[in-house]
Amino acid sequence: MSFKRDVDLNIRLTRREAIRCGLYGAAGLLLSDQIQASALAAAPPKARSLAPRAKSIIQLWMWGGPSHLDTFDPKPGAGVDFCGPFMSPIKTNVSGIVINELMPELARIADKYSIIRGMTHGNTGHETATYLVQTGNKSGDGLVHPGLGAVVALYKGYEAGYKGLIPPYVVMTESLGRFSAAGFLGSRAEPFATGGDPAASRFVVEGVVADGVSDRRQTDRRALMKKLDTLSAAAAGDAQAIAFSDCSDRAYEFILGDARRVFDLSTEKAEVRERYGRSTFGQSCLMARRLVERGVPFVTINYNGWDTHKENFLTMKHKLPELDRGMSALIRDLSERGLLDSTIVWWGGEFGRTPRVHYEEPWNGGRHHWGEVFSSVIAGGGFQGGHVIGESNATGEEVKSRPVYPSDVVLSICEMLGIDPRSKMETPRGEKVAIAPPSWNGDKLGGRLTEIMPG
């Protein structure tokens, strides 16, 4: 019996039926997908298991592409044509490592993260470069490969027996771009995008928290719905009716129960929220910590605004302090709670930005797309901190030594999660494909991040 037929016979709860069932907004749609996922998760072959070091990932995604020279790979010796006003990088608590002067808190904890300064893929398109970094695969082979978040949702979520009502892959607050994050894995591995703003007085999570609707009103609505529901009584004992009822109960548990309270940041102490910063990014970092505490395997924070073609340095003077505060608080908080050893923090964007500054009109100190070399940061989850992998040249225009490709990062993270990087996933056409390739068109890539991985 095919997997599709097996699912059709046993799990007929579709999105349209979920709406007919009277479930609330996205929570109902989400849970109908979860039920389908429990059946569909068996479709690909099980990943070969390794001893996991990490349980969860928090991905800090800098949508638009942050400048490597303005963050973790400063080049003061290149002069103002490359550095603009950032001519005084600061020392970190690791000898020999310097970063941008607007990131003093991250400088104090450089022993807890490692910088990859040799990232490269050569692509300068937002969507195609995002696809490369998220999946480790080049486009054009006739498949839409799943991003790492979807792979983790499958292998560390549904296949591993994940039972949480909160989906195993959460994105705050908007999806990553104009491509399917789940790829050929389908809806079972799609991320749950929260919408809303965690820095607002009330974090209005799409389909979970309704703006202007109190919990009491939601409870009253549910009671009225049950009172008016004569279909369930008439169809008592019917398998589909039982499935609908179970889905409804789980949806309302997500809306009103303990699972929903994880999104209520008002329960955090004021000093903790201040430590992260009251920005959307800072409070998203706090929210991510709460989610991994609940066992959510993959959380992405989509922090946009890094596409600085114009007035790059004005933007950096605003964004870098936000980044510094939120990211440093997250790493410290995870460490203090004993969670950093089991949680990978992965920072970066789809590419870097042109090392040479464009001062002329209309750019006025802008930087454009640059895929030849850029930086990423990895902390926790068994990865060692206090290291630098790879090196760019004196002007930050190309890789000087130890190139690192997106596939190298994806496969290294999989290994730390206990997902064998040699595992194969099954496509809808029945093909068996690797999570990410060890080579591109026959060209050998940089290889695993052995410099910061246990031997």
Protein backbone atom coordinates (compact mmCIF):
# COMPACT_ATOMS: atom_id res chain seq x y z
CA MET A 1 0.00 0.00 0.00
CA SER A 2 1.41 3.42 -0.95
CA PHE A 3 1.94 6.05 1.71
CA LYS A 4 -0.48 8.38 -0.07
CA ARG A 5 -3.22 5.75 -0.12
CA ASP A 6 -2.48 4.84 3.50
CA VAL A 7 -2.89 8.46 4.50
CA ASP A 8 -6.03 8.89 2.39
CA LEU A 9 -7.62 5.87 4.05
CA ASN A 10 -6.72 6.75 7.62
CA ILE A 11 -6.33 10.54 7.85
CA ARG A 12 -8.99 12.43 5.94
CA LEU A 13 -8.94 15.61 8.02
CA THR A 14 -8.17 18.31 5.47
CA ARG A 15 -7.74 22.05 5.94
CA ARG A 16 -11.21 22.70 4.51
CA GLU A 17 -12.73 20.17 6.90
CA ALA A 18 -10.83 21.71 9.80
CA ILE A 19 -12.53 25.01 9.05
CA ARG A 20 -15.92 23.28 8.79
CA CYS A 21 -15.17 21.67 12.14
CA GLY A 22 -15.29 25.11 13.72
CA LEU A 23 -11.65 25.25 14.75
CA TYR A 24 -10.15 28.61 15.50
CA GLY A 25 -8.10 30.20 12.73
CA ALA A 26 -4.57 28.99 12.11
CA ALA A 27 -4.56 26.75 15.17
CA GLY A 28 -7.13 24.51 13.54
CA LEU A 29 -5.28 24.49 10.23
CA LEU A 30 -2.02 23.86 12.04
CA LEU A 31 -3.36 20.90 13.99
CA SER A 32 -4.99 19.35 10.94
CA ASP A 33 -1.52 19.42 9.39
CA GLN A 34 -0.07 17.89 12.55
CA ILE A 35 -2.44 14.94 12.34
CA GLN A 36 -1.50 14.38 8.71
CA ALA A 37 2.15 14.72 9.66
CA SER A 38 1.98 11.89 12.16
CA ALA A 39 1.04 9.54 9.34
CA LEU A 40 3.24 11.05 6.66
CA ALA A 41 6.36 11.12 8.81
CA ALA A 42 6.84 7.44 8.07
CA ALA A 43 7.15 8.12 4.35
CA PRO A 44 10.89 8.88 4.13
CA PRO A 45 13.35 6.28 5.36
CA LYS A 46 14.40 6.82 8.94
CA ALA A 47 17.57 8.82 9.42
CA ARG A 48 20.51 6.79 10.58
CA SER A 49 21.04 7.76 14.18
CA LEU A 50 24.19 9.22 15.68
CA ALA A 51 24.78 10.15 19.30
CA PRO A 52 23.21 13.64 19.47
CA ARG A 53 24.97 16.54 21.15
CA ALA A 54 22.18 19.05 20.52
CA LYS A 55 18.40 18.89 20.86
CA SER A 56 17.33 22.23 19.38
CA ILE A 57 18.43 25.03 17.07
CA ILE A 58 17.74 28.74 17.27
CA GLN A 59 18.49 30.29 13.91
CA LEU A 60 19.07 34.05 13.92
CA TRP A 61 18.34 34.85 10.29
CA MET A 62 19.50 38.28 9.12
CA TRP A 63 17.24 38.66 6.11
CA GLY A 64 18.79 40.82 3.39
CA GLY A 65 22.41 39.85 4.07
CA PRO A 66 24.49 41.55 6.77
CA SER A 67 27.88 43.03 5.92
CA HIS A 68 30.69 40.83 7.20
CA LEU A 69 33.00 43.85 7.46
CA ASP A 70 30.48 45.66 9.67
CA THR A 71 29.90 42.71 12.02
CA PHE A 72 32.26 39.79 12.64
CA ASP A 73 35.06 40.35 10.11
CA PRO A 74 36.21 43.99 10.44
CA LYS A 75 39.06 45.22 8.21
CA PRO A 76 40.35 48.52 9.67
CA GLY A 77 43.56 48.25 7.66
CA ALA A 78 41.59 48.45 4.40
CA GLY A 79 40.72 52.09 5.03
CA VAL A 80 37.59 54.19 4.82
CA ASP A 81 36.70 52.98 1.31
CA PHE A 82 35.95 49.60 2.84
CA CYS A 83 35.19 50.30 6.49
CA GLY A 84 33.37 53.61 6.39
CA PRO A 85 33.17 54.99 9.94
CA PHE A 86 33.85 51.60 11.56
CA MET A 87 37.61 51.98 11.96
CA SER A 88 37.95 50.89 15.60
CA PRO A 89 36.98 47.22 16.07
CA ILE A 90 37.06 46.02 19.66
CA LYS A 91 38.90 43.15 21.25
CA THR A 92 36.88 40.25 22.55
CA ASN A 93 37.52 38.04 25.55
CA VAL A 94 39.34 35.66 23.17
CA SER A 95 42.84 36.72 22.26
CA GLY A 96 43.21 37.70 18.61
CA ILE A 97 39.49 37.96 17.81
CA VAL A 98 38.02 41.42 17.15
CA ILE A 99 34.50 42.41 16.10
CA ASN A 100 32.59 45.60 15.33
CA GLU A 101 32.80 48.32 17.99
CA LEU A 102 29.00 48.51 18.33
CA MET A 103 28.83 44.94 19.69
CA PRO A 104 30.51 45.18 23.14
CA GLU A 105 28.27 42.58 24.82
CA LEU A 106 29.05 39.98 22.17
CA ALA A 107 32.73 40.87 22.56
CA ARG A 108 32.52 39.85 26.22
CA ILE A 109 31.28 36.33 25.42
CA ALA A 110 33.30 35.43 22.30
CA ASP A 111 34.49 32.30 24.10
CA LYS A 112 30.94 30.95 23.76
CA TYR A 113 30.65 31.22 19.95
CA SER A 114 32.80 30.65 16.89
CA ILE A 115 32.96 32.79 13.76
CA ILE A 116 33.04 31.34 10.26
CA ARG A 117 34.78 34.00 8.15
CA GLY A 118 35.23 31.85 5.06
CA MET A 119 31.55 31.37 4.10
CA THR A 120 31.08 31.41 0.33
CA HIS A 121 28.72 30.37 -2.47
CA GLY A 122 29.09 33.12 -5.09
CA ASN A 123 25.36 33.80 -5.42
CA THR A 124 23.93 37.33 -5.18
CA GLY A 125 20.16 36.75 -5.54
CA HIS A 126 18.12 36.98 -2.33
CA GLU A 127 15.87 33.98 -2.96
CA THR A 128 18.47 31.73 -4.60
CA ALA A 129 21.12 32.56 -1.99
CA THR A 130 18.62 32.00 0.83
CA TYR A 131 17.75 28.64 -0.71
CA LEU A 132 21.46 27.77 -0.84
CA VAL A 133 22.15 28.66 2.78
CA GLN A 134 18.97 27.09 4.16
CA THR A 135 19.16 23.82 2.21
CA GLY A 136 22.84 23.44 1.32
CA ASN A 137 21.72 22.69 -2.25
CA LYS A 138 21.98 24.63 -5.47
CA SER A 139 18.76 25.20 -7.37
CA GLY A 140 18.11 23.88 -10.86
CA ASP A 141 18.07 20.10 -10.35
CA GLY A 142 14.30 19.84 -10.71
CA LEU A 143 13.67 19.48 -6.99
CA VAL A 144 12.76 21.92 -4.25
CA HIS A 145 14.93 20.68 -1.39
CA PRO A 146 13.76 21.20 2.19
CA GLY A 147 15.52 23.72 4.38
CA LEU A 148 17.34 22.59 7.50
CA GLY A 149 14.38 23.61 9.67
CA ALA A 150 12.10 21.22 7.78
CA VAL A 151 14.65 18.40 7.96
CA VAL A 152 14.93 18.88 11.71
CA ALA A 153 11.13 19.10 12.08
CA LEU A 154 10.88 15.72 10.41
CA TYR A 155 13.78 13.80 11.93
CA LYS A 156 13.91 15.42 15.38
CA GLY A 157 10.20 16.17 15.47
CA TYR A 158 7.59 13.84 14.05
CA GLU A 159 9.87 10.86 13.38
CA ALA A 160 11.33 11.14 16.88
CA GLY A 161 7.86 11.02 18.43
CA TYR A 162 7.48 14.73 19.11
CA LYS A 163 4.13 15.20 20.87
CA GLY A 164 4.06 18.90 21.65
CA LEU A 165 1.10 20.99 20.51
CA ILE A 166 3.52 23.72 19.46
CA PRO A 167 4.82 22.69 16.02
CA PRO A 168 8.42 21.44 15.83
CA TYR A 169 9.42 24.27 13.45
CA VAL A 170 8.48 27.83 14.44
CA VAL A 171 9.38 31.06 12.62
CA MET A 172 9.10 34.49 14.21
CA THR A 173 7.44 36.36 12.83
CA GLU A 174 7.40 36.12 9.00
CA SER A 175 8.42 33.35 6.61
CA LEU A 176 11.92 33.48 5.14
CA GLY A 177 11.25 34.21 1.51
CA ARG A 178 9.55 33.31 -1.72
CA PHE A 179 10.27 29.61 -1.68
CA SER A 180 8.94 26.58 0.18
CA ALA A 181 10.89 26.03 3.39
CA ALA A 182 9.55 22.46 3.49
CA GLY A 183 10.37 21.67 -0.12
CA PHE A 184 9.43 18.17 -1.25
CA LEU A 185 8.71 17.12 2.36
CA GLY A 186 5.38 18.92 2.03
CA SER A 187 3.03 20.46 4.56
CA ARG A 188 4.07 18.20 7.42
CA ALA A 189 7.39 20.03 7.61
CA GLU A 190 6.20 23.59 6.94
CA PRO A 191 7.11 26.12 9.64
CA PHE A 192 4.51 27.78 11.81
CA ALA A 193 4.98 31.54 11.28
CA THR A 194 3.71 33.31 14.37
CA GLY A 195 2.94 36.72 12.89
CA GLY A 196 2.47 39.45 15.49
CA ASP A 197 5.15 41.28 17.44
CA PRO A 198 6.59 39.81 20.67
CA ALA A 199 7.60 43.33 21.74
CA ALA A 200 3.98 44.53 21.68
CA SER A 201 1.92 44.75 24.87
CA ARG A 202 0.29 41.47 23.77
CA PHE A 203 1.98 39.04 21.41
CA VAL A 204 -0.82 38.32 18.95
CA VAL A 205 0.22 34.91 17.61
CA GLU A 206 -1.67 34.10 14.43
CA GLY A 207 -4.49 31.66 15.07
CA VAL A 208 -3.64 31.41 18.78
CA VAL A 209 -4.11 34.88 20.27
CA ALA A 210 -6.85 37.08 18.83
CA ASP A 211 -6.33 40.81 19.18
CA GLY A 212 -9.12 42.26 21.32
CA VAL A 213 -10.56 38.85 22.28
CA SER A 214 -10.03 37.84 25.91
CA ASP A 215 -9.46 34.30 27.13
CA ARG A 216 -12.86 34.42 28.87
CA ARG A 217 -14.55 35.31 25.62
CA GLN A 218 -12.76 32.45 23.86
CA THR A 219 -13.92 30.04 26.58
CA ASP A 220 -17.49 31.27 26.21
CA ARG A 221 -17.27 30.86 22.44
CA ARG A 222 -16.15 27.28 22.84
CA ALA A 223 -18.97 26.50 25.27
CA LEU A 224 -21.51 27.95 22.83
CA MET A 225 -20.04 25.97 19.94
CA LYS A 226 -20.32 22.73 21.92
CA LYS A 227 -23.91 23.56 22.85
CA LEU A 228 -24.84 24.11 19.22
CA ASP A 229 -22.92 21.08 17.94
CA THR A 230 -25.53 18.41 17.31
CA LEU A 231 -23.50 16.67 14.60
CA SER A 232 -20.98 15.16 17.03
CA ALA A 233 -23.72 13.56 19.09
CA ALA A 234 -25.46 12.22 16.01
CA ALA A 235 -22.21 10.76 14.67
CA ALA A 236 -20.98 9.34 17.98
CA GLY A 237 -18.59 6.46 17.40
CA ASP A 238 -17.80 7.44 13.82
CA ALA A 239 -14.03 7.44 13.21
CA GLN A 240 -14.04 10.77 11.39
CA ALA A 241 -16.22 12.40 14.05
CA ILE A 242 -13.81 11.20 16.73
CA ALA A 243 -10.88 12.61 14.74
CA PHE A 244 -12.69 15.95 14.38
CA SER A 245 -13.45 16.06 18.10
CA ASP A 246 -9.87 15.23 19.03
CA CYS A 247 -8.56 17.89 16.65
CA SER A 248 -10.95 20.46 18.12
CA ASP A 249 -9.87 19.62 21.68
CA ARG A 250 -6.21 19.92 20.77
CA ALA A 251 -6.79 23.20 18.94
CA TYR A 252 -8.46 24.74 21.96
CA GLU A 253 -5.70 23.41 24.22
CA PHE A 254 -3.29 25.27 21.95
CA ILE A 255 -5.43 28.42 22.14
CA LEU A 256 -6.31 28.41 25.85
CA GLY A 257 -4.15 25.84 27.59
CA ASP A 258 -0.59 25.52 28.81
CA ALA A 259 0.86 25.32 25.28
CA ARG A 260 -0.43 28.82 24.50
CA ARG A 261 1.05 30.31 27.68
CA VAL A 262 4.55 29.83 26.37
CA PHE A 263 3.81 32.78 24.04
CA ASP A 264 2.83 35.05 26.94
CA LEU A 265 5.96 37.07 27.65
CA SER A 266 4.23 39.00 30.43
CA THR A 267 5.09 36.09 32.71
CA GLU A 268 8.81 36.93 32.42
CA LYS A 269 10.43 39.23 34.95
CA ALA A 270 10.81 42.82 33.77
CA GLU A 271 14.59 42.71 34.26
CA VAL A 272 14.85 39.65 32.01
CA ARG A 273 12.89 41.37 29.25
CA GLU A 274 15.06 44.47 29.61
CA ARG A 275 18.22 42.39 29.34
CA TYR A 276 17.12 41.17 25.91
CA GLY A 277 15.97 44.63 24.87
CA ARG A 278 12.40 45.70 24.16
CA SER A 279 12.91 45.55 20.40
CA THR A 280 11.10 43.00 18.23
CA PHE A 281 14.39 41.16 17.75
CA GLY A 282 15.27 41.17 21.44
CA GLN A 283 11.89 39.85 22.52
CA SER A 284 11.97 37.28 19.71
CA CYS A 285 15.24 35.98 21.18
CA LEU A 286 13.55 35.67 24.58
CA MET A 287 10.61 33.91 22.95
CA ALA A 288 13.00 31.50 21.22
CA ARG A 289 14.56 30.58 24.56
CA ARG A 290 11.09 29.82 25.96
CA LEU A 291 10.29 27.62 22.96
CA VAL A 292 13.42 25.48 23.20
CA GLU A 293 12.75 25.12 26.93
CA ARG A 294 9.47 23.52 25.85
CA GLY A 295 11.35 21.13 23.57
CA VAL A 296 10.67 22.78 20.19
CA PRO A 297 13.47 21.46 17.94
CA PHE A 298 13.85 24.37 15.48
CA VAL A 299 13.13 28.08 15.94
CA THR A 300 13.98 30.76 13.38
CA ILE A 301 13.99 34.48 14.12
CA ASN A 302 13.59 36.32 10.83
CA TYR A 303 15.28 39.66 11.57
CA ASN A 304 14.90 41.71 8.42
CA GLY A 305 16.27 45.08 7.37
CA TRP A 306 19.83 44.09 6.40
CA ASP A 307 19.48 44.84 2.67
CA THR A 308 21.36 48.11 2.99
CA HIS A 309 21.91 49.32 -0.57
CA LYS A 310 21.50 52.89 0.70
CA GLU A 311 22.91 54.56 3.83
CA ASN A 312 24.27 51.32 5.20
CA PHE A 313 26.02 52.91 8.16
CA LEU A 314 22.98 54.80 9.42
CA THR A 315 21.12 51.49 9.49
CA MET A 316 24.01 49.69 11.20
CA LYS A 317 24.16 52.26 14.00
CA HIS A 318 20.58 51.28 14.83
CA LYS A 319 20.60 47.55 14.12
CA LEU A 320 23.97 46.51 15.55
CA PRO A 321 23.14 47.57 19.15
CA GLU A 322 19.82 45.66 18.86
CA LEU A 323 21.65 42.61 17.55
CA ASP A 324 24.33 42.88 20.23
CA ARG A 325 21.85 43.11 23.07
CA GLY A 326 19.45 40.40 21.96
CA MET A 327 21.97 37.82 20.74
CA SER A 328 24.30 38.20 23.74
CA ALA A 329 21.37 37.95 26.17
CA LEU A 330 20.17 34.79 24.42
CA ILE A 331 23.55 33.06 24.58
CA ARG A 332 24.09 34.09 28.21
CA ASP A 333 20.58 33.05 29.24
CA LEU A 334 20.89 29.65 27.56
CA SER A 335 24.26 29.16 29.24
CA GLU A 336 23.00 30.15 32.70
CA ARG A 337 20.01 27.81 32.38
CA GLY A 338 22.13 24.87 31.28
CA LEU A 339 20.58 24.90 27.81
CA LEU A 340 23.50 26.09 25.67
CA ASP A 341 25.12 22.66 25.56
CA SER A 342 21.95 21.25 23.98
CA THR A 343 20.94 24.27 21.85
CA ILE A 344 22.72 25.43 18.70
CA VAL A 345 22.55 29.16 18.00
CA TRP A 346 23.19 29.81 14.31
CA TRP A 347 23.57 33.43 13.12
CA GLY A 348 23.85 34.66 9.53
CA GLY A 349 22.09 35.70 6.35
CA GLU A 350 21.97 34.71 2.71
CA PHE A 351 25.22 36.48 1.78
CA GLY A 352 27.44 39.39 2.76
CA ARG A 353 27.64 42.85 1.27
CA THR A 354 30.10 44.53 -1.05
CA PRO A 355 33.31 45.24 0.87
CA ARG A 356 33.91 48.46 -1.07
CA VAL A 357 31.47 51.13 0.08
CA HIS A 358 29.39 52.92 -2.58
CA TYR A 359 29.50 56.53 -1.46
CA GLU A 360 28.09 58.01 -4.67
CA GLU A 361 24.46 59.00 -5.24
CA PRO A 362 21.95 57.49 -4.80
CA TRP A 363 23.63 54.96 -2.47
CA ASN A 364 25.16 57.46 -0.01
CA GLY A 365 27.36 54.93 1.71
CA GLY A 366 25.53 51.77 0.67
CA ARG A 367 26.65 48.20 0.28
CA HIS A 368 25.27 45.76 -2.30
CA HIS A 369 24.97 41.96 -2.45
CA TRP A 370 28.15 39.89 -2.10
CA GLY A 371 28.29 36.09 -2.16
CA GLU A 372 32.02 35.59 -2.65
CA VAL A 373 32.74 35.69 1.07
CA PHE A 374 30.65 36.39 4.17
CA SER A 375 30.42 35.43 7.83
CA SER A 376 28.30 33.14 10.00
CA VAL A 377 28.39 32.45 13.72
CA ILE A 378 27.71 29.20 15.58
CA ALA A 379 27.36 28.68 19.32
CA GLY A 380 26.33 25.86 21.62
CA GLY A 381 25.02 22.39 20.92
CA GLY A 382 28.44 20.82 21.30
CA PHE A 383 30.22 23.25 18.96
CA GLN A 384 33.27 24.79 20.60
CA GLY A 385 33.42 28.55 21.10
CA GLY A 386 36.30 30.96 20.81
CA HIS A 387 37.45 29.92 17.33
CA VAL A 388 37.59 31.48 13.87
CA ILE A 389 37.14 29.22 10.83
CA GLY A 390 38.42 30.48 7.51
CA GLU A 391 39.78 33.86 6.54
CA SER A 392 38.93 36.53 4.01
CA ASN A 393 41.61 38.58 2.30
CA ALA A 394 42.79 42.02 3.45
CA THR A 395 39.81 43.82 1.92
CA GLY A 396 37.18 41.15 2.65
CA GLU A 397 36.50 40.57 -1.04
CA GLU A 398 37.32 36.87 -1.32
CA VAL A 399 38.18 33.81 0.73
CA LYS A 400 41.86 33.65 1.57
CA SER A 401 41.86 30.30 3.36
CA ARG A 402 39.49 27.50 4.41
CA PRO A 403 36.34 28.11 2.36
CA VAL A 404 33.11 26.96 4.02
CA TYR A 405 30.04 26.26 1.89
CA PRO A 406 26.40 26.15 3.05
CA SER A 407 26.34 22.37 2.67
CA ASP A 408 29.29 22.08 5.09
CA VAL A 409 27.33 23.97 7.75
CA VAL A 410 24.05 22.10 7.19
CA LEU A 411 25.70 18.68 7.38
CA SER A 412 27.77 19.63 10.45
CA ILE A 413 24.65 20.81 12.28
CA CYS A 414 22.81 17.61 11.33
CA GLU A 415 25.63 15.56 12.77
CA MET A 416 25.55 17.47 16.07
CA LEU A 417 21.80 16.80 16.25
CA GLY A 418 22.35 13.10 15.78
CA ILE A 419 21.02 13.06 12.20
CA ASP A 420 23.46 11.07 10.08
CA PRO A 421 24.48 13.45 7.26
CA ARG A 422 24.59 10.46 4.90
CA SER A 423 20.86 9.87 5.41
CA LYS A 424 18.64 9.87 2.34
CA MET A 425 15.20 11.44 2.05
CA GLU A 426 12.52 10.18 -0.33
CA THR A 427 10.99 12.59 -2.82
CA PRO A 428 7.38 12.33 -4.09
CA ARG A 429 8.86 10.67 -7.21
CA GLY A 430 10.42 7.94 -5.09
CA GLU A 431 13.98 9.20 -5.49
CA LYS A 432 16.42 8.96 -2.59
CA VAL A 433 18.37 12.20 -2.13
CA ALA A 434 20.90 13.36 0.43
CA ILE A 435 20.06 16.03 3.00
CA ALA A 436 22.79 18.18 1.43
CA PRO A 437 25.50 17.33 -1.10
CA PRO A 438 29.17 16.78 -0.24
CA SER A 439 30.06 18.38 -3.59
CA TRP A 440 28.60 20.76 -6.16
CA ASN A 441 28.84 19.62 -9.76
CA GLY A 442 31.75 17.38 -8.80
CA ASP A 443 33.64 20.18 -7.03
CA LYS A 444 34.60 19.10 -3.52
CA LEU A 445 33.32 21.45 -0.82
CA GLY A 446 35.10 22.64 2.30
CA GLY A 447 34.08 19.77 4.56
CA ARG A 448 32.65 19.44 8.06
CA LEU A 449 33.41 22.06 10.69
CA THR A 450 35.90 19.75 12.38
CA GLU A 451 37.75 22.72 13.90
CA ILE A 452 34.90 23.22 16.39
CA MET A 453 33.36 19.73 16.52
CA PRO A 454 34.31 17.00 18.99
CA GLY A 455 36.81 14.50 17.62
